[in-house]
Amino acid sequence: MPEEIRKASEAAEGICKWVIAITKYDIVAKEIRPKREALGLAQGKLDIVLGKLREKEAELHKIME
């Protein structure tokens, strides 16, 4: 409780708030990490599929000409 710690020291209150923020950041980072990895894999698959799509569109364009 930063408010309680402030009674003893304003500097300690700041450190307490910092520790709370870092702890929350760590929790969120652990939740997001697997999602970012999955996004990277999905983006890689999308790039491959879009490359194939471009090839097929080029073939179609040649046929249409």
PDB file of N, CA and C in Angstrom:
ATOM      1  N   MET A   1       0.841  -1.168   0.000  1.00  0.00           N
ATOM      2  CA  MET A   1       0.000   0.000   0.000  1.00  0.00           C
ATOM      3  C   MET A   1       0.901   1.251   0.000  1.00  0.00           C
ATOM      4  N   PRO A   2       1.085   1.866  -1.156  1.00  0.00           N
ATOM      5  CA  PRO A   2       1.944   3.040  -1.241  1.00  0.00           C
ATOM      6  C   PRO A   2       1.512   4.173  -0.304  1.00  0.00           C
ATOM      7  N   GLU A   3       0.206   4.318  -0.083  1.00  0.00           N
ATOM      8  CA  GLU A   3      -0.275   5.391   0.788  1.00  0.00           C
ATOM      9  C   GLU A   3       0.212   5.202   2.223  1.00  0.00           C
ATOM     10  N   GLU A   4       0.246   3.956   2.656  1.00  0.00           N
ATOM     11  CA  GLU A   4       0.714   3.656   4.009  1.00  0.00           C
ATOM     12  C   GLU A   4       2.227   3.875   4.112  1.00  0.00           C
ATOM     13  N   ILE A   5       2.939   3.491   3.078  1.00  0.00           N
ATOM     14  CA  ILE A   5       4.395   3.625   3.094  1.00  0.00           C
ATOM     15  C   ILE A   5       4.794   5.094   3.055  1.00  0.00           C
ATOM     16  N   ARG A   6       3.977   5.936   2.407  1.00  0.00           N
ATOM     17  CA  ARG A   6       4.290   7.366   2.310  1.00  0.00           C
ATOM     18  C   ARG A   6       4.417   8.003   3.687  1.00  0.00           C
ATOM     19  N   LYS A   7       3.685   7.469   4.649  1.00  0.00           N
ATOM     20  CA  LYS A   7       3.764   8.011   6.016  1.00  0.00           C
ATOM     21  C   LYS A   7       5.185   7.904   6.558  1.00  0.00           C
ATOM     22  N   ALA A   8       5.898   6.882   6.119  1.00  0.00           N
ATOM     23  CA  ALA A   8       7.267   6.686   6.586  1.00  0.00           C
ATOM     24  C   ALA A   8       8.256   7.447   5.706  1.00  0.00           C
ATOM     25  N   SER A   9       8.037   7.408   4.363  1.00  0.00           N
ATOM     26  CA  SER A   9       9.003   8.028   3.461  1.00  0.00           C
ATOM     27  C   SER A   9       8.388   8.201   2.074  1.00  0.00           C
ATOM     28  N   GLU A  10       8.543   9.399   1.514  1.00  0.00           N
ATOM     29  CA  GLU A  10       8.044   9.635   0.163  1.00  0.00           C
ATOM     30  C   GLU A  10       8.864   8.856  -0.857  1.00  0.00           C
ATOM     31  N   ALA A  11      10.144   8.714  -0.613  1.00  0.00           N
ATOM     32  CA  ALA A  11      10.999   7.942  -1.517  1.00  0.00           C
ATOM     33  C   ALA A  11      10.575   6.472  -1.510  1.00  0.00           C
ATOM     34  N   ALA A  12      10.260   5.957  -0.349  1.00  0.00           N
ATOM     35  CA  ALA A  12       9.819   4.567  -0.254  1.00  0.00           C
ATOM     36  C   ALA A  12       8.488   4.380  -0.978  1.00  0.00           C
ATOM     37  N   GLU A  13       7.645   5.405  -0.944  1.00  0.00           N
ATOM     38  CA  GLU A  13       6.383   5.322  -1.669  1.00  0.00           C
ATOM     39  C   GLU A  13       6.647   5.203  -3.176  1.00  0.00           C
ATOM     40  N   GLY A  14       7.568   5.985  -3.678  1.00  0.00           N
ATOM     41  CA  GLY A  14       7.920   5.919  -5.091  1.00  0.00           C
ATOM     42  C   GLY A  14       8.460   4.555  -5.473  1.00  0.00           C
ATOM     43  N   ILE A  15       9.312   4.012  -4.637  1.00  0.00           N
ATOM     44  CA  ILE A  15       9.870   2.681  -4.896  1.00  0.00           C
ATOM     45  C   ILE A  15       8.757   1.632  -4.859  1.00  0.00           C
ATOM     46  N   CYS A  16       7.845   1.766  -3.932  1.00  0.00           N
ATOM     47  CA  CYS A  16       6.726   0.828  -3.818  1.00  0.00           C
ATOM     48  C   CYS A  16       5.876   0.867  -5.094  1.00  0.00           C
ATOM     49  N   LYS A  17       5.571   2.066  -5.579  1.00  0.00           N
ATOM     50  CA  LYS A  17       4.785   2.200  -6.811  1.00  0.00           C
ATOM     51  C   LYS A  17       5.528   1.591  -7.995  1.00  0.00           C
ATOM     52  N   TRP A  18       6.842   1.788  -8.024  1.00  0.00           N
ATOM     53  CA  TRP A  18       7.653   1.233  -9.107  1.00  0.00           C
ATOM     54  C   TRP A  18       7.606  -0.291  -9.080  1.00  0.00           C
ATOM     55  N   VAL A  19       7.739  -0.884  -7.894  1.00  0.00           N
ATOM     56  CA  VAL A  19       7.708  -2.340  -7.761  1.00  0.00           C
ATOM     57  C   VAL A  19       6.346  -2.882  -8.198  1.00  0.00           C
ATOM     58  N   ILE A  20       5.285  -2.206  -7.814  1.00  0.00           N
ATOM     59  CA  ILE A  20       3.943  -2.639  -8.214  1.00  0.00           C
ATOM     60  C   ILE A  20       3.809  -2.579  -9.735  1.00  0.00           C
ATOM     61  N   ALA A  21       4.287  -1.500 -10.349  1.00  0.00           N
ATOM     62  CA  ALA A  21       4.197  -1.355 -11.804  1.00  0.00           C
ATOM     63  C   ALA A  21       5.010  -2.428 -12.525  1.00  0.00           C
ATOM     64  N   ILE A  22       6.205  -2.714 -12.055  1.00  0.00           N
ATOM     65  CA  ILE A  22       7.050  -3.739 -12.671  1.00  0.00           C
ATOM     66  C   ILE A  22       6.399  -5.111 -12.546  1.00  0.00           C
ATOM     67  N   THR A  23       5.786  -5.380 -11.421  1.00  0.00           N
ATOM     68  CA  THR A  23       5.109  -6.656 -11.209  1.00  0.00           C
ATOM     69  C   THR A  23       3.937  -6.808 -12.179  1.00  0.00           C
ATOM     70  N   LYS A  24       3.149  -5.748 -12.343  1.00  0.00           N
ATOM     71  CA  LYS A  24       2.034  -5.790 -13.295  1.00  0.00           C
ATOM     72  C   LYS A  24       2.555  -5.974 -14.715  1.00  0.00           C
ATOM     73  N   TYR A  25       3.629  -5.279 -15.051  1.00  0.00           N
ATOM     74  CA  TYR A  25       4.224  -5.406 -16.381  1.00  0.00           C
ATOM     75  C   TYR A  25       4.649  -6.850 -16.639  1.00  0.00           C
ATOM     76  N   ASP A  26       5.268  -7.471 -15.649  1.00  0.00           N
ATOM     77  CA  ASP A  26       5.733  -8.853 -15.792  1.00  0.00           C
ATOM     78  C   ASP A  26       4.562  -9.796 -16.059  1.00  0.00           C
ATOM     79  N   ILE A  27       3.474  -9.604 -15.351  1.00  0.00           N
ATOM     80  CA  ILE A  27       2.295 -10.455 -15.533  1.00  0.00           C
ATOM     81  C   ILE A  27       1.749 -10.297 -16.952  1.00  0.00           C
ATOM     82  N   VAL A  28       1.623  -9.062 -17.401  1.00  0.00           N
ATOM     83  CA  VAL A  28       1.099  -8.806 -18.745  1.00  0.00           C
ATOM     84  C   VAL A  28       2.064  -9.336 -19.803  1.00  0.00           C
ATOM     85  N   ALA A  29       3.356  -9.138 -19.606  1.00  0.00           N
ATOM     86  CA  ALA A  29       4.347  -9.606 -20.581  1.00  0.00           C
ATOM     87  C   ALA A  29       4.300 -11.124 -20.733  1.00  0.00           C
ATOM     88  N   LYS A  30       4.081 -11.836 -19.629  1.00  0.00           N
ATOM     89  CA  LYS A  30       3.991 -13.297 -19.692  1.00  0.00           C
ATOM     90  C   LYS A  30       2.748 -13.745 -20.440  1.00  0.00           C
ATOM     91  N   GLU A  31       1.669 -12.965 -20.370  1.00  0.00           N
ATOM     92  CA  GLU A  31       0.447 -13.306 -21.100  1.00  0.00           C
ATOM     93  C   GLU A  31       0.602 -13.011 -22.581  1.00  0.00           C
ATOM     94  N   ILE A  32       1.311 -11.946 -22.910  1.00  0.00           N
ATOM     95  CA  ILE A  32       1.425 -11.493 -24.297  1.00  0.00           C
ATOM     96  C   ILE A  32       2.474 -12.276 -25.080  1.00  0.00           C
ATOM     97  N   ARG A  33       3.520 -12.738 -24.436  1.00  0.00           N
ATOM     98  CA  ARG A  33       4.622 -13.417 -25.134  1.00  0.00           C
ATOM     99  C   ARG A  33       4.143 -14.542 -26.054  1.00  0.00           C
ATOM    100  N   PRO A  34       3.323 -15.492 -25.589  1.00  0.00           N
ATOM    101  CA  PRO A  34       2.870 -16.558 -26.495  1.00  0.00           C
ATOM    102  C   PRO A  34       2.018 -16.019 -27.650  1.00  0.00           C
ATOM    103  N   LYS A  35       1.266 -14.971 -27.390  1.00  0.00           N
ATOM    104  CA  LYS A  35       0.442 -14.379 -28.440  1.00  0.00           C
ATOM    105  C   LYS A  35       1.312 -13.733 -29.509  1.00  0.00           C
ATOM    106  N   ARG A  36       2.385 -13.083 -29.106  1.00  0.00           N
ATOM    107  CA  ARG A  36       3.305 -12.483 -30.074  1.00  0.00           C
ATOM    108  C   ARG A  36       3.999 -13.556 -30.907  1.00  0.00           C
ATOM    109  N   GLU A  37       4.362 -14.655 -30.270  1.00  0.00           N
ATOM    110  CA  GLU A  37       4.998 -15.749 -30.999  1.00  0.00           C
ATOM    111  C   GLU A  37       4.019 -16.350 -32.008  1.00  0.00           C
ATOM    112  N   ALA A  38       2.776 -16.525 -31.599  1.00  0.00           N
ATOM    113  CA  ALA A  38       1.762 -17.060 -32.509  1.00  0.00           C
ATOM    114  C   ALA A  38       1.513 -16.094 -33.667  1.00  0.00           C
ATOM    115  N   LEU A  39       1.523 -14.809 -33.369  1.00  0.00           N
ATOM    116  CA  LEU A  39       1.356 -13.809 -34.416  1.00  0.00           C
ATOM    117  C   LEU A  39       2.492 -13.888 -35.420  1.00  0.00           C
ATOM    118  N   GLY A  40       3.709 -14.065 -34.949  1.00  0.00           N
ATOM    119  CA  GLY A  40       4.860 -14.192 -35.846  1.00  0.00           C
ATOM    120  C   GLY A  40       4.719 -15.393 -36.768  1.00  0.00           C
ATOM    121  N   LEU A  41       4.292 -16.518 -36.219  1.00  0.00           N
ATOM    122  CA  LEU A  41       4.089 -17.716 -37.038  1.00  0.00           C
ATOM    123  C   LEU A  41       2.971 -17.501 -38.060  1.00  0.00           C
ATOM    124  N   ALA A  42       1.883 -16.909 -37.621  1.00  0.00           N
ATOM    125  CA  ALA A  42       0.766 -16.653 -38.527  1.00  0.00           C
ATOM    126  C   ALA A  42       1.178 -15.675 -39.621  1.00  0.00           C
ATOM    127  N   GLN A  43       1.972 -14.668 -39.263  1.00  0.00           N
ATOM    128  CA  GLN A  43       2.433 -13.697 -40.255  1.00  0.00           C
ATOM    129  C   GLN A  43       3.319 -14.376 -41.291  1.00  0.00           C
ATOM    130  N   GLY A  44       4.157 -15.298 -40.854  1.00  0.00           N
ATOM    131  CA  GLY A  44       4.999 -16.048 -41.781  1.00  0.00           C
ATOM    132  C   GLY A  44       4.167 -16.876 -42.752  1.00  0.00           C
ATOM    133  N   LYS A  45       3.144 -17.546 -42.241  1.00  0.00           N
ATOM    134  CA  LYS A  45       2.259 -18.337 -43.098  1.00  0.00           C
ATOM    135  C   LYS A  45       1.513 -17.437 -44.081  1.00  0.00           C
ATOM    136  N   LEU A  46       1.075 -16.282 -43.592  1.00  0.00           N
ATOM    137  CA  LEU A  46       0.370 -15.338 -44.454  1.00  0.00           C
ATOM    138  C   LEU A  46       1.274 -14.858 -45.585  1.00  0.00           C
ATOM    139  N   ASP A  47       2.516 -14.566 -45.270  1.00  0.00           N
ATOM    140  CA  ASP A  47       3.462 -14.122 -46.299  1.00  0.00           C
ATOM    141  C   ASP A  47       3.628 -15.183 -47.387  1.00  0.00           C
ATOM    142  N   ILE A  48       3.705 -16.445 -46.984  1.00  0.00           N
ATOM    143  CA  ILE A  48       3.841 -17.545 -47.945  1.00  0.00           C
ATOM    144  C   ILE A  48       2.603 -17.626 -48.837  1.00  0.00           C
ATOM    145  N   VAL A  49       1.432 -17.568 -48.232  1.00  0.00           N
ATOM    146  CA  VAL A  49       0.184 -17.668 -48.988  1.00  0.00           C
ATOM    147  C   VAL A  49       0.033 -16.473 -49.927  1.00  0.00           C
ATOM    148  N   LEU A  50       0.369 -15.273 -49.455  1.00  0.00           N
ATOM    149  CA  LEU A  50       0.271 -14.099 -50.321  1.00  0.00           C
ATOM    150  C   LEU A  50       1.246 -14.193 -51.490  1.00  0.00           C
ATOM    151  N   GLY A  51       2.403 -14.782 -51.277  1.00  0.00           N
ATOM    152  CA  GLY A  51       3.357 -15.000 -52.368  1.00  0.00           C
ATOM    153  C   GLY A  51       2.777 -15.929 -53.418  1.00  0.00           C
ATOM    154  N   LYS A  52       2.150 -17.001 -52.969  1.00  0.00           N
ATOM    155  CA  LYS A  52       1.511 -17.935 -53.907  1.00  0.00           C
ATOM    156  C   LYS A  52       0.360 -17.263 -54.649  1.00  0.00           C
ATOM    157  N   LEU A  53      -0.384 -16.426 -53.930  1.00  0.00           N
ATOM    158  CA  LEU A  53      -1.484 -15.700 -54.556  1.00  0.00           C
ATOM    159  C   LEU A  53      -0.966 -14.775 -55.656  1.00  0.00           C
ATOM    160  N   ARG A  54       0.128 -14.076 -55.387  1.00  0.00           N
ATOM    161  CA  ARG A  54       0.715 -13.196 -56.405  1.00  0.00           C
ATOM    162  C   ARG A  54       1.134 -13.993 -57.645  1.00  0.00           C
ATOM    163  N   GLU A  55       1.704 -15.167 -57.428  1.00  0.00           N
ATOM    164  CA  GLU A  55       2.097 -16.022 -58.557  1.00  0.00           C
ATOM    165  C   GLU A  55       0.874 -16.424 -59.385  1.00  0.00           C
ATOM    166  N   LYS A  56      -0.184 -16.833 -58.701  1.00  0.00           N
ATOM    167  CA  LYS A  56      -1.404 -17.255 -59.403  1.00  0.00           C
ATOM    168  C   LYS A  56      -2.053 -16.075 -60.128  1.00  0.00           C
ATOM    169  N   GLU A  57      -2.023 -14.900 -59.519  1.00  0.00           N
ATOM    170  CA  GLU A  57      -2.575 -13.720 -60.186  1.00  0.00           C
ATOM    171  C   GLU A  57      -1.766 -13.372 -61.428  1.00  0.00           C
ATOM    172  N   ALA A  58      -0.446 -13.531 -61.348  1.00  0.00           N
ATOM    173  CA  ALA A  58       0.391 -13.276 -62.523  1.00  0.00           C
ATOM    174  C   ALA A  58       0.080 -14.277 -63.636  1.00  0.00           C
ATOM    175  N   GLU A  59      -0.116 -15.542 -63.267  1.00  0.00           N
ATOM    176  CA  GLU A  59      -0.488 -16.547 -64.257  1.00  0.00           C
ATOM    177  C   GLU A  59      -1.837 -16.214 -64.886  1.00  0.00           C
ATOM    178  N   LEU A  60      -2.781 -15.801 -64.079  1.00  0.00           N
ATOM    179  CA  LEU A  60      -4.095 -15.439 -64.571  1.00  0.00           C
ATOM    180  C   LEU A  60      -3.995 -14.244 -65.514  1.00  0.00           C
ATOM    181  N   HIS A  61      -3.187 -13.282 -65.151  1.00  0.00           N
ATOM    182  CA  HIS A  61      -3.009 -12.093 -65.988  1.00  0.00           C
ATOM    183  C   HIS A  61      -2.462 -12.475 -67.357  1.00  0.00           C
ATOM    184  N   LYS A  62      -1.498 -13.409 -67.371  1.00  0.00           N
ATOM    185  CA  LYS A  62      -0.926 -13.870 -68.653  1.00  0.00           C
ATOM    186  C   LYS A  62      -1.978 -14.564 -69.492  1.00  0.00           C
ATOM    187  N   ILE A  63      -2.827 -15.382 -68.844  1.00  0.00           N
ATOM    188  CA  ILE A  63      -3.867 -16.111 -69.551  1.00  0.00           C
ATOM    189  C   ILE A  63      -4.908 -15.130 -70.113  1.00  0.00           C
ATOM    190  N   MET A  64      -5.241 -14.130 -69.333  1.00  0.00           N
ATOM    191  CA  MET A  64      -6.243 -13.154 -69.744  1.00  0.00           C
ATOM    192  C   MET A  64      -5.772 -12.315 -70.926  1.00  0.00           C
ATOM    193  N   GLU A  65      -4.455 -12.108 -71.025  1.00  0.00           N
ATOM    194  CA  GLU A  65      -3.906 -11.312 -72.137  1.00  0.00           C
ATOM    195  C   GLU A  65      -4.052 -12.107 -73.396  1.00  0.00           C
TER     196      GLU A  65
END
